[in-house]
Amino acid sequence: MTTAVDVSPISGSVIGAVVDGADLSGSIDEQQIEDIWAALDRHLVLVFRGHKDPSDEELMAFGRHFGHIPRTGLTTGANPDHNEILIISNVVENGQKIGVGNAEWMDWHTDYSFRPRVARLGFLAAVELPPGGGGETLFTDMYSVYDSLPDGLRERLHSYRARHALRSGYEDVIEEEHQGELSIEAPDMEPSAEEPLIPPEGGTSTVHPLIARNPRTGRRSVYVNPLNTKRVLELERAASDELLQELFAKAGEPSLTYAHDWLPGDIVMWDQLGTVHARRPYDATERRTLRKVVTIFDSAVEPWRAGGDAS
């Protein structure tokens, strides 16, 4: 018997919804999967509550219903038994951090924008939260940013590409085989066209068009982020910096942003193509640990196919 998934929009926020009735630690049927997809298409960020806390294996099994979960490629900071799971934590055990990150502000970004096969969805599961609060995760709707742009600027953005690179500080913990430049120069390929074989974890620097397109909904988003977007290739450096700063400033706009205040057991699932996310700081003397998995697109060109006019 299929159990209905109950979706309740988050009061006072233009994006985000709370989901009840989904079994994240066991089997999930096709109807529930499609219900979750539909809710995500509408709300962009889903907060799962009232469920049994899934094991690492169950968390990955749930995520795989929505796409391929790549290895992180990290030599430290990932789950030692499941490299696909990133540990986000300031906790130190036996003189060594168990994860990545610290208690400071984490700038706006979308995961794996520096890889040819970019992130499609993200999943964050709370493990341990700082008693004093803080550490909220923020999400900004970049589809609405695209829709809000003046027509002339929006049209220009469709002709631009940007270089994305892994932020400084992580290079020393990325497996050597995953480092380096890896790009695909065919964003307008038709779905039936052949494309080069792109490894799921390959690359720490690549080039993408500035405008992405959600293959499920057709909605377009501005695909830049302050953490990893370095340069617009078609512009001189000064013009590139000016444009990127203008676009970066959209992140965090109150009317487009949801701030998630974590509760124990929360699992948050979000659309990585159409949002950027960040984290507020918290007390560095308090412990905070989350588990994270990411699904990526099967095709390196799927998020960049035109699918119609550029208006």
C-alpha atoms as a PDB file:
ATOM      1  CA  MET A   1       0.000   0.000   0.000  1.00  0.00           C
ATOM      2  CA  THR A   2       1.399   3.390  -0.980  1.00  0.00           C
ATOM      3  CA  THR A   3       1.793   5.898   1.844  1.00  0.00           C
ATOM      4  CA  ALA A   4       1.082   9.457   0.787  1.00  0.00           C
ATOM      5  CA  VAL A   5       3.832  12.007   1.214  1.00  0.00           C
ATOM      6  CA  ASP A   6       2.571  15.048   3.101  1.00  0.00           C
ATOM      7  CA  VAL A   7       4.128  18.317   1.877  1.00  0.00           C
ATOM      8  CA  SER A   8       3.591  21.561   3.797  1.00  0.00           C
ATOM      9  CA  PRO A   9       5.060  24.841   2.493  1.00  0.00           C
ATOM     10  CA  ILE A  10       7.193  26.645   5.062  1.00  0.00           C
ATOM     11  CA  SER A  11       5.273  29.619   6.395  1.00  0.00           C
ATOM     12  CA  GLY A  12       6.750  32.986   5.570  1.00  0.00           C
ATOM     13  CA  SER A  13       9.204  31.675   2.976  1.00  0.00           C
ATOM     14  CA  VAL A  14       8.891  31.770  -0.807  1.00  0.00           C
ATOM     15  CA  ILE A  15      10.774  28.484  -1.101  1.00  0.00           C
ATOM     16  CA  GLY A  16      10.986  25.404   1.097  1.00  0.00           C
ATOM     17  CA  ALA A  17       8.547  22.795   2.391  1.00  0.00           C
ATOM     18  CA  VAL A  18       8.394  20.213   5.171  1.00  0.00           C
ATOM     19  CA  VAL A  19       7.823  16.590   4.124  1.00  0.00           C
ATOM     20  CA  ASP A  20       6.237  13.958   6.370  1.00  0.00           C
ATOM     21  CA  GLY A  21       5.377  10.358   5.543  1.00  0.00           C
ATOM     22  CA  ALA A  22       8.532   9.364   3.643  1.00  0.00           C
ATOM     23  CA  ASP A  23      10.461   6.339   4.907  1.00  0.00           C
ATOM     24  CA  LEU A  24      14.098   7.363   4.489  1.00  0.00           C
ATOM     25  CA  SER A  25      15.482   4.314   6.271  1.00  0.00           C
ATOM     26  CA  GLY A  26      13.724   1.643   4.252  1.00  0.00           C
ATOM     27  CA  SER A  27      11.995   0.988   0.970  1.00  0.00           C
ATOM     28  CA  ILE A  28      10.318   3.804  -0.913  1.00  0.00           C
ATOM     29  CA  ASP A  29       7.934   3.222  -3.791  1.00  0.00           C
ATOM     30  CA  GLU A  30       7.869   4.886  -7.197  1.00  0.00           C
ATOM     31  CA  GLN A  31       4.860   7.038  -6.355  1.00  0.00           C
ATOM     32  CA  GLN A  32       6.601   8.484  -3.304  1.00  0.00           C
ATOM     33  CA  ILE A  33       9.704   9.170  -5.388  1.00  0.00           C
ATOM     34  CA  GLU A  34       7.659  11.040  -7.984  1.00  0.00           C
ATOM     35  CA  ASP A  35       5.776  12.921  -5.237  1.00  0.00           C
ATOM     36  CA  ILE A  36       9.116  14.048  -3.785  1.00  0.00           C
ATOM     37  CA  TRP A  37      10.373  15.091  -7.237  1.00  0.00           C
ATOM     38  CA  ALA A  38       7.208  17.108  -7.800  1.00  0.00           C
ATOM     39  CA  ALA A  39       7.528  18.782  -4.403  1.00  0.00           C
ATOM     40  CA  LEU A  40      11.162  19.606  -5.106  1.00  0.00           C
ATOM     41  CA  ASP A  41      10.297  21.069  -8.519  1.00  0.00           C
ATOM     42  CA  ARG A  42       7.852  23.405  -6.784  1.00  0.00           C
ATOM     43  CA  HIS A  43       9.602  24.245  -3.507  1.00  0.00           C
ATOM     44  CA  LEU A  44      13.342  23.731  -4.329  1.00  0.00           C
ATOM     45  CA  VAL A  45      14.177  22.840  -0.704  1.00  0.00           C
ATOM     46  CA  LEU A  46      12.555  19.986   1.237  1.00  0.00           C
ATOM     47  CA  VAL A  47      12.935  19.380   4.982  1.00  0.00           C
ATOM     48  CA  PHE A  48      12.269  15.790   6.086  1.00  0.00           C
ATOM     49  CA  ARG A  49      11.132  15.356   9.688  1.00  0.00           C
ATOM     50  CA  GLY A  50       9.511  12.678  11.813  1.00  0.00           C
ATOM     51  CA  HIS A  51      11.452   9.802  10.265  1.00  0.00           C
ATOM     52  CA  LYS A  52      13.777   7.147  11.626  1.00  0.00           C
ATOM     53  CA  ASP A  53      17.388   8.329  11.391  1.00  0.00           C
ATOM     54  CA  PRO A  54      18.861   6.435   8.415  1.00  0.00           C
ATOM     55  CA  SER A  55      22.187   4.625   8.547  1.00  0.00           C
ATOM     56  CA  ASP A  56      24.931   5.685   6.162  1.00  0.00           C
ATOM     57  CA  GLU A  57      23.921   2.904   3.792  1.00  0.00           C
ATOM     58  CA  GLU A  58      20.241   3.886   3.981  1.00  0.00           C
ATOM     59  CA  LEU A  59      21.024   7.563   3.393  1.00  0.00           C
ATOM     60  CA  MET A  60      22.937   6.667   0.231  1.00  0.00           C
ATOM     61  CA  ALA A  61      20.192   4.272  -0.886  1.00  0.00           C
ATOM     62  CA  PHE A  62      17.615   7.046  -0.501  1.00  0.00           C
ATOM     63  CA  GLY A  63      19.759   9.504  -2.453  1.00  0.00           C
ATOM     64  CA  ARG A  64      20.336   7.009  -5.271  1.00  0.00           C
ATOM     65  CA  HIS A  65      16.618   6.993  -6.023  1.00  0.00           C
ATOM     66  CA  PHE A  66      17.281  10.499  -7.382  1.00  0.00           C
ATOM     67  CA  GLY A  67      20.527  10.026  -9.272  1.00  0.00           C
ATOM     68  CA  HIS A  68      24.145   8.929  -9.177  1.00  0.00           C
ATOM     69  CA  ILE A  69      26.094   9.727  -5.994  1.00  0.00           C
ATOM     70  CA  PRO A  70      29.785  10.209  -6.835  1.00  0.00           C
ATOM     71  CA  ARG A  71      32.750   9.737  -4.557  1.00  0.00           C
ATOM     72  CA  THR A  72      33.917  12.942  -2.910  1.00  0.00           C
ATOM     73  CA  GLY A  73      37.498  12.200  -3.959  1.00  0.00           C
ATOM     74  CA  LEU A  74      38.677  13.428  -0.550  1.00  0.00           C
ATOM     75  CA  THR A  75      41.557  11.729   1.228  1.00  0.00           C
ATOM     76  CA  THR A  76      40.379  13.200   4.552  1.00  0.00           C
ATOM     77  CA  GLY A  77      37.008  14.603   5.570  1.00  0.00           C
ATOM     78  CA  ALA A  78      34.856  11.913   3.989  1.00  0.00           C
ATOM     79  CA  ASN A  79      33.254   8.934   5.707  1.00  0.00           C
ATOM     80  CA  PRO A  80      36.063   6.361   5.998  1.00  0.00           C
ATOM     81  CA  ASP A  81      33.770   3.527   4.898  1.00  0.00           C
ATOM     82  CA  HIS A  82      31.747   5.420   2.282  1.00  0.00           C
ATOM     83  CA  ASN A  83      33.734   8.079   0.439  1.00  0.00           C
ATOM     84  CA  GLU A  84      30.473   9.271  -1.144  1.00  0.00           C
ATOM     85  CA  ILE A  85      29.478  10.786   2.220  1.00  0.00           C
ATOM     86  CA  LEU A  86      31.065  14.122   3.121  1.00  0.00           C
ATOM     87  CA  ILE A  87      31.392  14.822   6.837  1.00  0.00           C
ATOM     88  CA  ILE A  88      30.857  18.523   7.566  1.00  0.00           C
ATOM     89  CA  SER A  89      32.203  19.127  11.032  1.00  0.00           C
ATOM     90  CA  ASN A  90      34.419  21.212  13.295  1.00  0.00           C
ATOM     91  CA  VAL A  91      34.961  18.250  15.642  1.00  0.00           C
ATOM     92  CA  VAL A  92      38.529  17.135  16.369  1.00  0.00           C
ATOM     93  CA  GLU A  93      39.213  13.591  17.568  1.00  0.00           C
ATOM     94  CA  ASN A  94      42.674  12.265  18.407  1.00  0.00           C
ATOM     95  CA  GLY A  95      44.182  15.496  17.149  1.00  0.00           C
ATOM     96  CA  GLN A  96      42.558  15.296  13.712  1.00  0.00           C
ATOM     97  CA  LYS A  97      39.385  16.798  12.269  1.00  0.00           C
ATOM     98  CA  ILE A  98      36.762  14.188  11.425  1.00  0.00           C
ATOM     99  CA  GLY A  99      35.340  16.252   8.576  1.00  0.00           C
ATOM    100  CA  VAL A 100      35.717  19.466   6.584  1.00  0.00           C
ATOM    101  CA  GLY A 101      34.719  23.012   7.404  1.00  0.00           C
ATOM    102  CA  ASN A 102      34.850  25.237  10.446  1.00  0.00           C
ATOM    103  CA  ALA A 103      32.541  27.465  12.473  1.00  0.00           C
ATOM    104  CA  GLU A 104      33.008  30.559  10.313  1.00  0.00           C
ATOM    105  CA  TRP A 105      30.703  31.898   7.595  1.00  0.00           C
ATOM    106  CA  MET A 106      30.612  29.536   4.602  1.00  0.00           C
ATOM    107  CA  ASP A 107      30.217  31.542   1.398  1.00  0.00           C
ATOM    108  CA  TRP A 108      27.519  30.989  -1.215  1.00  0.00           C
ATOM    109  CA  HIS A 109      28.080  28.062  -3.576  1.00  0.00           C
ATOM    110  CA  THR A 110      26.560  25.088  -5.313  1.00  0.00           C
ATOM    111  CA  ASP A 111      28.323  21.753  -5.006  1.00  0.00           C
ATOM    112  CA  TYR A 112      30.654  20.443  -7.702  1.00  0.00           C
ATOM    113  CA  SER A 113      30.261  23.428 -10.016  1.00  0.00           C
ATOM    114  CA  PHE A 114      33.987  22.906 -10.683  1.00  0.00           C
ATOM    115  CA  ARG A 115      33.294  19.488 -12.271  1.00  0.00           C
ATOM    116  CA  PRO A 116      31.873  18.883 -15.766  1.00  0.00           C
ATOM    117  CA  ARG A 117      29.093  16.702 -14.305  1.00  0.00           C
ATOM    118  CA  VAL A 118      27.609  19.171 -11.860  1.00  0.00           C
ATOM    119  CA  ALA A 119      25.451  18.506  -8.814  1.00  0.00           C
ATOM    120  CA  ARG A 120      21.754  17.961  -9.347  1.00  0.00           C
ATOM    121  CA  LEU A 121      20.537  17.449  -5.770  1.00  0.00           C
ATOM    122  CA  GLY A 122      22.005  17.762  -2.307  1.00  0.00           C
ATOM    123  CA  PHE A 123      21.131  15.928   0.922  1.00  0.00           C
ATOM    124  CA  LEU A 124      22.244  17.121   4.365  1.00  0.00           C
ATOM    125  CA  ALA A 125      21.531  15.098   7.506  1.00  0.00           C
ATOM    126  CA  ALA A 126      21.989  16.581  10.980  1.00  0.00           C
ATOM    127  CA  VAL A 127      24.132  14.467  13.321  1.00  0.00           C
ATOM    128  CA  GLU A 128      25.150  16.878  16.091  1.00  0.00           C
ATOM    129  CA  LEU A 129      24.099  20.520  16.437  1.00  0.00           C
ATOM    130  CA  PRO A 130      25.604  23.369  18.476  1.00  0.00           C
ATOM    131  CA  PRO A 131      23.552  23.859  21.663  1.00  0.00           C
ATOM    132  CA  GLY A 132      23.866  27.633  21.363  1.00  0.00           C
ATOM    133  CA  GLY A 133      22.322  27.691  17.895  1.00  0.00           C
ATOM    134  CA  GLY A 134      23.740  29.248  14.763  1.00  0.00           C
ATOM    135  CA  GLY A 135      25.018  27.370  11.745  1.00  0.00           C
ATOM    136  CA  GLU A 136      21.771  27.853   9.827  1.00  0.00           C
ATOM    137  CA  THR A 137      21.949  26.827   6.156  1.00  0.00           C
ATOM    138  CA  LEU A 138      20.689  29.437   3.682  1.00  0.00           C
ATOM    139  CA  PHE A 139      19.248  28.759   0.228  1.00  0.00           C
ATOM    140  CA  THR A 140      18.628  31.382  -2.500  1.00  0.00           C
ATOM    141  CA  ASP A 141      16.369  30.724  -5.494  1.00  0.00           C
ATOM    142  CA  MET A 142      18.505  31.350  -8.597  1.00  0.00           C
ATOM    143  CA  TYR A 143      15.605  30.565 -10.947  1.00  0.00           C
ATOM    144  CA  SER A 144      13.850  33.647  -9.630  1.00  0.00           C
ATOM    145  CA  VAL A 145      17.092  35.614  -9.939  1.00  0.00           C
ATOM    146  CA  TYR A 146      17.105  34.726 -13.653  1.00  0.00           C
ATOM    147  CA  ASP A 147      13.431  35.691 -14.017  1.00  0.00           C
ATOM    148  CA  SER A 148      14.052  39.049 -12.310  1.00  0.00           C
ATOM    149  CA  LEU A 149      16.887  40.180 -14.592  1.00  0.00           C
ATOM    150  CA  PRO A 150      16.285  42.913 -17.185  1.00  0.00           C
ATOM    151  CA  ASP A 151      15.624  41.430 -20.626  1.00  0.00           C
ATOM    152  CA  GLY A 152      18.809  42.835 -22.168  1.00  0.00           C
ATOM    153  CA  LEU A 153      21.065  41.484 -19.425  1.00  0.00           C
ATOM    154  CA  ARG A 154      19.335  38.115 -19.429  1.00  0.00           C
ATOM    155  CA  GLU A 155      19.858  37.805 -23.192  1.00  0.00           C
ATOM    156  CA  ARG A 156      23.554  38.686 -22.863  1.00  0.00           C
ATOM    157  CA  LEU A 157      24.106  36.095 -20.141  1.00  0.00           C
ATOM    158  CA  HIS A 158      23.059  33.338 -22.518  1.00  0.00           C
ATOM    159  CA  SER A 159      26.170  34.027 -24.615  1.00  0.00           C
ATOM    160  CA  TYR A 160      28.619  33.880 -21.702  1.00  0.00           C
ATOM    161  CA  ARG A 161      30.627  31.072 -20.142  1.00  0.00           C
ATOM    162  CA  ALA A 162      32.376  31.072 -16.780  1.00  0.00           C
ATOM    163  CA  ARG A 163      35.307  29.190 -15.317  1.00  0.00           C
ATOM    164  CA  HIS A 164      34.654  27.372 -12.032  1.00  0.00           C
ATOM    165  CA  ALA A 165      37.459  26.068  -9.828  1.00  0.00           C
ATOM    166  CA  LEU A 166      37.740  24.316  -6.491  1.00  0.00           C
ATOM    167  CA  ARG A 167      38.334  26.899  -3.792  1.00  0.00           C
ATOM    168  CA  SER A 168      41.834  27.189  -2.397  1.00  0.00           C
ATOM    169  CA  GLY A 169      42.368  25.076   0.693  1.00  0.00           C
ATOM    170  CA  TYR A 170      40.808  21.827  -0.487  1.00  0.00           C
ATOM    171  CA  GLU A 171      43.389  20.899  -3.133  1.00  0.00           C
ATOM    172  CA  ASP A 172      45.646  19.129  -0.651  1.00  0.00           C
ATOM    173  CA  VAL A 173      42.882  16.693   0.368  1.00  0.00           C
ATOM    174  CA  ILE A 174      41.611  15.845  -3.136  1.00  0.00           C
ATOM    175  CA  GLU A 175      42.875  12.598  -4.612  1.00  0.00           C
ATOM    176  CA  GLU A 176      45.452  13.369  -7.294  1.00  0.00           C
ATOM    177  CA  GLU A 177      43.559  11.444  -9.969  1.00  0.00           C
ATOM    178  CA  HIS A 178      40.614  13.836  -9.616  1.00  0.00           C
ATOM    179  CA  GLN A 179      42.592  17.067  -9.897  1.00  0.00           C
ATOM    180  CA  GLY A 180      43.134  19.276 -12.917  1.00  0.00           C
ATOM    181  CA  GLU A 181      41.243  20.920 -15.748  1.00  0.00           C
ATOM    182  CA  LEU A 182      38.413  18.971 -17.364  1.00  0.00           C
ATOM    183  CA  SER A 183      35.953  20.679 -19.696  1.00  0.00           C
ATOM    184  CA  ILE A 184      33.373  19.861 -22.328  1.00  0.00           C
ATOM    185  CA  GLU A 185      32.826  22.344 -25.143  1.00  0.00           C
ATOM    186  CA  ALA A 186      29.402  21.244 -26.334  1.00  0.00           C
ATOM    187  CA  PRO A 187      26.646  22.869 -24.236  1.00  0.00           C
ATOM    188  CA  ASP A 188      24.168  22.963 -27.145  1.00  0.00           C
ATOM    189  CA  MET A 189      24.387  19.290 -28.102  1.00  0.00           C
ATOM    190  CA  GLU A 190      21.108  17.605 -28.905  1.00  0.00           C
ATOM    191  CA  PRO A 191      19.958  14.831 -26.542  1.00  0.00           C
ATOM    192  CA  SER A 192      20.669  12.188 -29.187  1.00  0.00           C
ATOM    193  CA  ALA A 193      24.188  13.419 -29.903  1.00  0.00           C
ATOM    194  CA  GLU A 194      27.223  11.601 -28.618  1.00  0.00           C
ATOM    195  CA  GLU A 195      29.326  13.215 -25.938  1.00  0.00           C
ATOM    196  CA  PRO A 196      32.710  12.361 -24.449  1.00  0.00           C
ATOM    197  CA  LEU A 197      32.756   9.984 -21.476  1.00  0.00           C
ATOM    198  CA  ILE A 198      33.053  12.201 -18.414  1.00  0.00           C
ATOM    199  CA  PRO A 199      34.114  10.492 -15.150  1.00  0.00           C
ATOM    200  CA  PRO A 200      31.753  11.292 -12.262  1.00  0.00           C
ATOM    201  CA  GLU A 201      34.502  12.616  -9.982  1.00  0.00           C
ATOM    202  CA  GLY A 202      36.766  14.125 -12.629  1.00  0.00           C
ATOM    203  CA  GLY A 203      38.135  17.634 -12.502  1.00  0.00           C
ATOM    204  CA  THR A 204      38.720  20.492 -10.090  1.00  0.00           C
ATOM    205  CA  SER A 205      38.377  23.208 -12.758  1.00  0.00           C
ATOM    206  CA  THR A 206      36.017  23.496 -15.713  1.00  0.00           C
ATOM    207  CA  VAL A 207      33.892  25.871 -17.822  1.00  0.00           C
ATOM    208  CA  HIS A 208      30.088  26.155 -17.871  1.00  0.00           C
ATOM    209  CA  PRO A 209      27.563  28.498 -19.508  1.00  0.00           C
ATOM    210  CA  LEU A 210      26.235  31.170 -17.162  1.00  0.00           C
ATOM    211  CA  ILE A 211      22.662  30.013 -17.692  1.00  0.00           C
ATOM    212  CA  ALA A 212      21.544  26.503 -16.720  1.00  0.00           C
ATOM    213  CA  ARG A 213      18.249  24.817 -17.568  1.00  0.00           C
ATOM    214  CA  ASN A 214      16.396  22.362 -15.348  1.00  0.00           C
ATOM    215  CA  PRO A 215      15.619  19.362 -17.610  1.00  0.00           C
ATOM    216  CA  ARG A 216      12.499  18.466 -15.595  1.00  0.00           C
ATOM    217  CA  THR A 217      10.832  21.858 -15.452  1.00  0.00           C
ATOM    218  CA  GLY A 218      12.544  23.881 -18.188  1.00  0.00           C
ATOM    219  CA  ARG A 219      13.211  26.697 -15.713  1.00  0.00           C
ATOM    220  CA  ARG A 220      16.485  28.580 -16.153  1.00  0.00           C
ATOM    221  CA  SER A 221      18.843  29.685 -13.422  1.00  0.00           C
ATOM    222  CA  VAL A 222      21.874  31.944 -13.160  1.00  0.00           C
ATOM    223  CA  TYR A 223      24.670  29.434 -12.576  1.00  0.00           C
ATOM    224  CA  VAL A 224      27.377  31.363 -10.728  1.00  0.00           C
ATOM    225  CA  ASN A 225      28.537  31.361  -7.116  1.00  0.00           C
ATOM    226  CA  PRO A 226      31.050  33.448  -5.149  1.00  0.00           C
ATOM    227  CA  LEU A 227      33.003  30.463  -3.843  1.00  0.00           C
ATOM    228  CA  ASN A 228      33.896  28.768  -7.119  1.00  0.00           C
ATOM    229  CA  THR A 229      33.086  31.021 -10.118  1.00  0.00           C
ATOM    230  CA  LYS A 230      36.309  32.752 -11.162  1.00  0.00           C
ATOM    231  CA  ARG A 231      35.931  34.460 -14.528  1.00  0.00           C
ATOM    232  CA  VAL A 232      33.555  35.132 -17.427  1.00  0.00           C
ATOM    233  CA  LEU A 233      35.581  34.018 -20.441  1.00  0.00           C
ATOM    234  CA  GLU A 234      34.035  36.370 -23.007  1.00  0.00           C
ATOM    235  CA  LEU A 235      34.783  39.521 -20.966  1.00  0.00           C
ATOM    236  CA  GLU A 236      37.891  41.406 -19.969  1.00  0.00           C
ATOM    237  CA  ARG A 237      38.884  40.901 -16.347  1.00  0.00           C
ATOM    238  CA  ALA A 238      37.415  44.183 -15.048  1.00  0.00           C
ATOM    239  CA  ALA A 239      34.112  43.680 -16.872  1.00  0.00           C
ATOM    240  CA  SER A 240      33.972  40.065 -15.731  1.00  0.00           C
ATOM    241  CA  ASP A 241      34.530  41.046 -12.102  1.00  0.00           C
ATOM    242  CA  GLU A 242      31.868  43.748 -12.307  1.00  0.00           C
ATOM    243  CA  LEU A 243      29.265  41.399 -13.805  1.00  0.00           C
ATOM    244  CA  LEU A 244      29.994  38.573 -11.372  1.00  0.00           C
ATOM    245  CA  GLN A 245      29.789  40.891  -8.376  1.00  0.00           C
ATOM    246  CA  GLU A 246      26.417  42.124  -9.639  1.00  0.00           C
ATOM    247  CA  LEU A 247      25.172  38.542  -9.895  1.00  0.00           C
ATOM    248  CA  PHE A 248      26.793  37.402  -6.631  1.00  0.00           C
ATOM    249  CA  ALA A 249      24.929  40.193  -4.826  1.00  0.00           C
ATOM    250  CA  LYS A 250      21.641  38.415  -5.600  1.00  0.00           C
ATOM    251  CA  ALA A 251      22.556  35.585  -3.215  1.00  0.00           C
ATOM    252  CA  GLY A 252      20.921  36.134   0.134  1.00  0.00           C
ATOM    253  CA  GLU A 253      18.218  38.534  -1.035  1.00  0.00           C
ATOM    254  CA  PRO A 254      15.557  38.115   1.684  1.00  0.00           C
ATOM    255  CA  SER A 255      12.659  37.756  -0.750  1.00  0.00           C
ATOM    256  CA  LEU A 256      14.423  34.840  -2.496  1.00  0.00           C
ATOM    257  CA  THR A 257      16.096  33.118   0.456  1.00  0.00           C
ATOM    258  CA  TYR A 258      15.134  30.444   2.986  1.00  0.00           C
ATOM    259  CA  ALA A 259      17.160  30.106   6.207  1.00  0.00           C
ATOM    260  CA  HIS A 260      16.992  26.593   7.620  1.00  0.00           C
ATOM    261  CA  ASP A 261      17.225  26.445  11.417  1.00  0.00           C
ATOM    262  CA  TRP A 262      18.335  22.899  12.098  1.00  0.00           C
ATOM    263  CA  LEU A 263      16.547  20.507  14.447  1.00  0.00           C
ATOM    264  CA  PRO A 264      17.926  17.106  15.542  1.00  0.00           C
ATOM    265  CA  GLY A 265      17.269  14.455  12.905  1.00  0.00           C
ATOM    266  CA  ASP A 266      16.541  16.908  10.097  1.00  0.00           C
ATOM    267  CA  ILE A 267      17.395  15.861   6.552  1.00  0.00           C
ATOM    268  CA  VAL A 268      17.333  18.633   3.954  1.00  0.00           C
ATOM    269  CA  MET A 269      17.137  17.884   0.228  1.00  0.00           C
ATOM    270  CA  TRP A 270      17.536  20.643  -2.345  1.00  0.00           C
ATOM    271  CA  ASP A 271      17.813  21.519  -6.022  1.00  0.00           C
ATOM    272  CA  GLN A 272      21.495  22.299  -6.637  1.00  0.00           C
ATOM    273  CA  LEU A 273      21.027  23.597 -10.186  1.00  0.00           C
ATOM    274  CA  GLY A 274      18.535  26.289  -9.220  1.00  0.00           C
ATOM    275  CA  THR A 275      19.840  27.414  -5.835  1.00  0.00           C
ATOM    276  CA  VAL A 276      23.000  28.525  -4.102  1.00  0.00           C
ATOM    277  CA  HIS A 277      23.541  27.796  -0.422  1.00  0.00           C
ATOM    278  CA  ALA A 278      25.668  29.122   2.418  1.00  0.00           C
ATOM    279  CA  ARG A 279      26.065  28.642   6.164  1.00  0.00           C
ATOM    280  CA  ARG A 280      25.907  31.147   8.977  1.00  0.00           C
ATOM    281  CA  PRO A 281      28.677  31.028  11.602  1.00  0.00           C
ATOM    282  CA  TYR A 282      28.306  29.430  15.026  1.00  0.00           C
ATOM    283  CA  ASP A 283      30.268  29.186  18.278  1.00  0.00           C
ATOM    284  CA  ALA A 284      33.556  27.460  17.450  1.00  0.00           C
ATOM    285  CA  THR A 285      33.692  25.919  20.934  1.00  0.00           C
ATOM    286  CA  GLU A 286      30.500  23.964  20.220  1.00  0.00           C
ATOM    287  CA  ARG A 287      30.306  20.801  18.136  1.00  0.00           C
ATOM    288  CA  ARG A 288      28.441  20.644  14.821  1.00  0.00           C
ATOM    289  CA  THR A 289      28.399  17.616  12.498  1.00  0.00           C
ATOM    290  CA  LEU A 290      26.311  16.840   9.410  1.00  0.00           C
ATOM    291  CA  ARG A 291      26.423  14.128   6.755  1.00  0.00           C
ATOM    292  CA  LYS A 292      26.169  15.136   3.111  1.00  0.00           C
ATOM    293  CA  VAL A 293      25.623  13.294  -0.161  1.00  0.00           C
ATOM    294  CA  VAL A 294      25.162  14.798  -3.607  1.00  0.00           C
ATOM    295  CA  THR A 295      23.659  13.432  -6.797  1.00  0.00           C
ATOM    296  CA  ILE A 296      25.043  14.580 -10.153  1.00  0.00           C
ATOM    297  CA  PHE A 297      23.640  14.713 -13.664  1.00  0.00           C
ATOM    298  CA  ASP A 298      24.150  11.593 -15.771  1.00  0.00           C
ATOM    299  CA  SER A 299      25.251  13.764 -18.683  1.00  0.00           C
ATOM    300  CA  ALA A 300      27.756  16.616 -18.630  1.00  0.00           C
ATOM    301  CA  VAL A 301      25.662  18.557 -21.161  1.00  0.00           C
ATOM    302  CA  GLU A 302      22.152  17.893 -19.782  1.00  0.00           C
ATOM    303  CA  PRO A 303      21.860  21.084 -17.667  1.00  0.00           C
ATOM    304  CA  TRP A 304      23.013  23.310 -20.555  1.00  0.00           C
ATOM    305  CA  ARG A 305      20.760  22.194 -23.412  1.00  0.00           C
ATOM    306  CA  ALA A 306      18.740  25.084 -24.722  1.00  0.00           C
ATOM    307  CA  GLY A 307      15.339  23.397 -24.828  1.00  0.00           C
ATOM    308  CA  GLY A 308      13.676  26.319 -26.585  1.00  0.00           C
ATOM    309  CA  ASP A 309      14.271  30.044 -26.882  1.00  0.00           C
ATOM    310  CA  ALA A 310      16.391  31.996 -24.437  1.00  0.00           C
ATOM    311  CA  SER A 311      13.733  34.410 -23.304  1.00  0.00           C
END
